[in-house]
Amino acid sequence: MALPNPAELLPRMADELRQLLHAHGIEQAHFIGIRTGGVWVAEALLAELGLEQPLGTLDVSFYRDDFTQNGLHPQVRPSELPFEIDGQHLVLIDDVLMSGRTIRAALNELFDYGRPASVILVSLLDLNAHELPIQADVLGATLALAPNERVKLLGPTPLALELQTLSAS
């Protein structure tokens, strides 16, 4: 299977996001990337949009509903939100939307910081394996993978996608 090139997806995603923000009358939005791949995509989108502004980062490890099953990832870092959340328009960015559980965790964390005016979800890829009713407002591409396949974003520069095959257990 040929994976899409993120460098080819990002200009279209930036255009769609610009149009969506305009259609909703949003002149100022704060960008938040979900660590790690979502931060890389957010940085690339900000560059594509020609915006220089602080980028928020979320590490949703403590908010995941599988935390007690999987334990703590050794590279957990604190979230950093260099702006107010309450009443603000947010653009939440992740690299791969699969089950929707990471996005649910991110929304739970954001609401612990305040009540945003709106949240627009941007994802580079959707693997069409949703377990929750969550979908991206701006999407780079949709992939259908075999049950034993996953896709990983490599980066931060250049961004590239890698197909991985899970070993049978």
Protein backbone atom coordinates (compact mmCIF):
# COMPACT_ATOMS: atom_id res chain seq x y z
CA MET A 1 0.00 0.00 0.00
CA ALA A 2 1.33 3.42 -0.92
CA LEU A 3 1.05 5.87 1.95
CA PRO A 4 0.29 9.52 1.24
CA ASN A 5 3.06 12.09 1.54
CA PRO A 6 2.32 14.54 4.40
CA ALA A 7 4.02 17.36 2.45
CA GLU A 8 1.37 16.93 -0.25
CA LEU A 9 -1.54 16.81 2.24
CA LEU A 10 -0.61 19.86 4.33
CA PRO A 11 -1.24 22.65 1.76
CA ARG A 12 -4.78 21.38 1.11
CA MET A 13 -5.40 20.94 4.83
CA ALA A 14 -4.22 24.51 5.49
CA ASP A 15 -6.59 25.83 2.80
CA GLU A 16 -9.52 23.85 4.23
CA LEU A 17 -8.74 25.07 7.74
CA ARG A 18 -8.47 28.68 6.57
CA GLN A 19 -11.87 28.37 4.83
CA LEU A 20 -13.48 26.70 7.85
CA LEU A 21 -12.23 29.38 10.24
CA HIS A 22 -13.47 32.08 7.86
CA ALA A 23 -16.88 30.39 7.46
CA HIS A 24 -17.29 30.35 11.25
CA GLY A 25 -16.15 33.96 11.60
CA ILE A 26 -13.11 32.97 13.66
CA GLU A 27 -10.35 35.54 13.29
CA GLN A 28 -8.12 34.32 16.12
CA ALA A 29 -7.69 30.63 16.92
CA HIS A 30 -5.20 29.00 19.24
CA PHE A 31 -3.47 25.88 17.94
CA ILE A 32 -2.88 22.85 20.17
CA GLY A 33 -0.99 19.74 19.09
CA ILE A 34 -1.33 16.36 20.77
CA ARG A 35 2.13 15.08 21.61
CA THR A 36 4.08 13.93 19.68
CA GLY A 37 2.89 13.59 16.09
CA GLY A 38 0.09 16.12 16.49
CA VAL A 39 2.62 18.72 17.58
CA TRP A 40 4.67 18.06 14.44
CA VAL A 41 1.58 18.38 12.23
CA ALA A 42 0.53 21.56 14.08
CA GLU A 43 3.96 23.13 13.54
CA ALA A 44 3.82 22.26 9.84
CA LEU A 45 0.27 23.67 9.53
CA LEU A 46 1.21 26.92 11.27
CA ALA A 47 4.14 27.29 8.84
CA GLU A 48 1.86 26.49 5.88
CA LEU A 49 -0.61 29.14 7.09
CA GLY A 50 2.20 31.66 7.61
CA LEU A 51 1.28 32.08 11.28
CA GLU A 52 3.74 32.79 14.05
CA GLN A 53 1.99 32.23 17.34
CA PRO A 54 2.45 30.17 20.48
CA LEU A 55 1.58 26.49 20.06
CA GLY A 56 -0.05 24.61 22.88
CA THR A 57 0.92 20.99 23.48
CA LEU A 58 -1.08 18.28 25.20
CA ASP A 59 0.18 15.02 26.63
CA VAL A 60 -3.04 13.11 27.27
CA SER A 61 -1.43 10.08 28.95
CA PHE A 62 -3.16 10.62 32.31
CA TYR A 63 -6.51 11.23 30.60
CA ARG A 64 -6.63 8.05 28.54
CA ASP A 65 -9.26 5.50 29.50
CA ASP A 66 -6.70 2.69 29.04
CA PHE A 67 -4.18 4.24 31.47
CA THR A 68 -4.81 1.62 34.15
CA GLN A 69 -4.38 -1.20 31.61
CA ASN A 70 -1.31 0.08 29.78
CA GLY A 71 0.45 2.04 32.52
CA LEU A 72 2.46 5.19 32.04
CA HIS A 73 4.54 5.69 28.90
CA PRO A 74 8.12 6.48 29.98
CA GLN A 75 8.25 9.71 27.95
CA VAL A 76 5.23 11.49 29.48
CA ARG A 77 5.76 15.25 29.71
CA PRO A 78 3.49 17.96 31.08
CA SER A 79 1.03 19.70 28.80
CA GLU A 80 1.85 23.31 27.96
CA LEU A 81 -0.92 25.78 27.12
CA PRO A 82 0.58 29.28 26.82
CA PHE A 83 -2.84 30.92 26.47
CA GLU A 84 -6.25 30.91 28.11
CA ILE A 85 -8.68 28.15 27.12
CA ASP A 86 -11.85 29.69 28.53
CA GLY A 87 -13.89 31.34 25.77
CA GLN A 88 -11.24 30.78 23.09
CA HIS A 89 -11.49 29.16 19.66
CA LEU A 90 -9.14 26.17 19.55
CA VAL A 91 -7.72 24.10 16.73
CA LEU A 92 -6.86 20.66 18.13
CA ILE A 93 -4.42 18.73 15.95
CA ASP A 94 -3.47 15.04 15.97
CA ASP A 95 -1.54 12.94 13.52
CA VAL A 96 -3.65 9.77 13.33
CA LEU A 97 -7.32 9.38 14.25
CA MET A 98 -8.04 5.74 14.92
CA SER A 99 -10.40 4.82 17.77
CA GLY A 100 -11.14 8.40 18.87
CA ARG A 101 -9.97 7.72 22.43
CA THR A 102 -6.96 10.05 22.21
CA ILE A 103 -9.23 12.90 21.07
CA ARG A 104 -11.71 12.16 23.88
CA ALA A 105 -8.82 12.31 26.35
CA ALA A 106 -7.58 15.58 24.84
CA LEU A 107 -11.04 17.16 25.11
CA ASN A 108 -11.34 16.04 28.75
CA GLU A 109 -7.98 17.65 29.52
CA LEU A 110 -8.84 20.87 27.69
CA PHE A 111 -12.09 21.23 29.64
CA ASP A 112 -10.11 20.89 32.87
CA TYR A 113 -8.38 24.14 31.83
CA GLY A 114 -11.60 25.97 30.93
CA ARG A 115 -14.56 26.06 28.58
CA PRO A 116 -13.49 26.86 25.00
CA ALA A 117 -15.82 28.75 22.66
CA SER A 118 -15.21 26.06 20.02
CA VAL A 119 -12.84 23.24 19.12
CA ILE A 120 -12.00 22.37 15.53
CA LEU A 121 -10.38 18.96 15.09
CA VAL A 122 -7.65 18.51 12.47
CA SER A 123 -6.06 15.14 11.73
CA LEU A 124 -3.48 14.16 9.16
CA LEU A 125 -4.94 10.64 8.79
CA ASP A 126 -8.14 8.85 9.69
CA LEU A 127 -7.80 5.06 9.90
CA ASN A 128 -11.59 4.61 9.90
CA ALA A 129 -11.51 2.42 13.00
CA HIS A 130 -13.63 4.62 15.29
CA GLU A 131 -14.84 3.31 18.62
CA LEU A 132 -16.28 6.71 19.57
CA PRO A 133 -18.36 9.14 17.49
CA ILE A 134 -15.45 11.49 16.75
CA GLN A 135 -14.45 12.74 13.33
CA ALA A 136 -12.05 15.39 12.07
CA ASP A 137 -13.30 18.73 10.72
CA VAL A 138 -10.20 18.96 8.53
CA LEU A 139 -8.62 15.72 7.34
CA GLY A 140 -5.58 14.95 5.22
CA ALA A 141 -6.47 11.42 4.08
CA THR A 142 -8.41 8.31 5.07
CA LEU A 143 -6.69 4.92 5.04
CA ALA A 144 -8.05 1.41 5.38
CA LEU A 145 -5.54 -0.86 7.07
CA ALA A 146 -5.53 -4.56 7.76
CA PRO A 147 -6.20 -5.45 11.43
CA ASN A 148 -2.49 -6.17 11.98
CA GLU A 149 -1.30 -2.89 10.41
CA ARG A 150 -0.65 0.52 11.94
CA VAL A 151 0.75 3.72 10.52
CA LYS A 152 3.31 5.85 12.32
CA LEU A 153 4.25 9.46 11.66
CA LEU A 154 7.98 10.07 11.55
CA GLY A 155 9.38 13.54 12.04
CA PRO A 156 9.56 16.27 12.92
CA THR A 157 11.30 17.27 9.67
CA PRO A 158 10.53 16.03 7.16
CA LEU A 159 7.22 14.43 8.06
CA ALA A 160 6.86 10.93 6.66
CA LEU A 161 4.52 8.00 7.19
CA GLU A 162 5.63 4.46 7.89
CA LEU A 163 3.46 1.34 7.64
CA GLN A 164 4.05 -1.09 10.51
CA THR A 165 2.91 -4.67 10.83
CA LEU A 166 2.06 -5.89 14.31
CA SER A 167 3.41 -9.26 15.31
CA ALA A 168 0.88 -11.98 16.10
CA SER A 169 0.66 -12.74 19.80
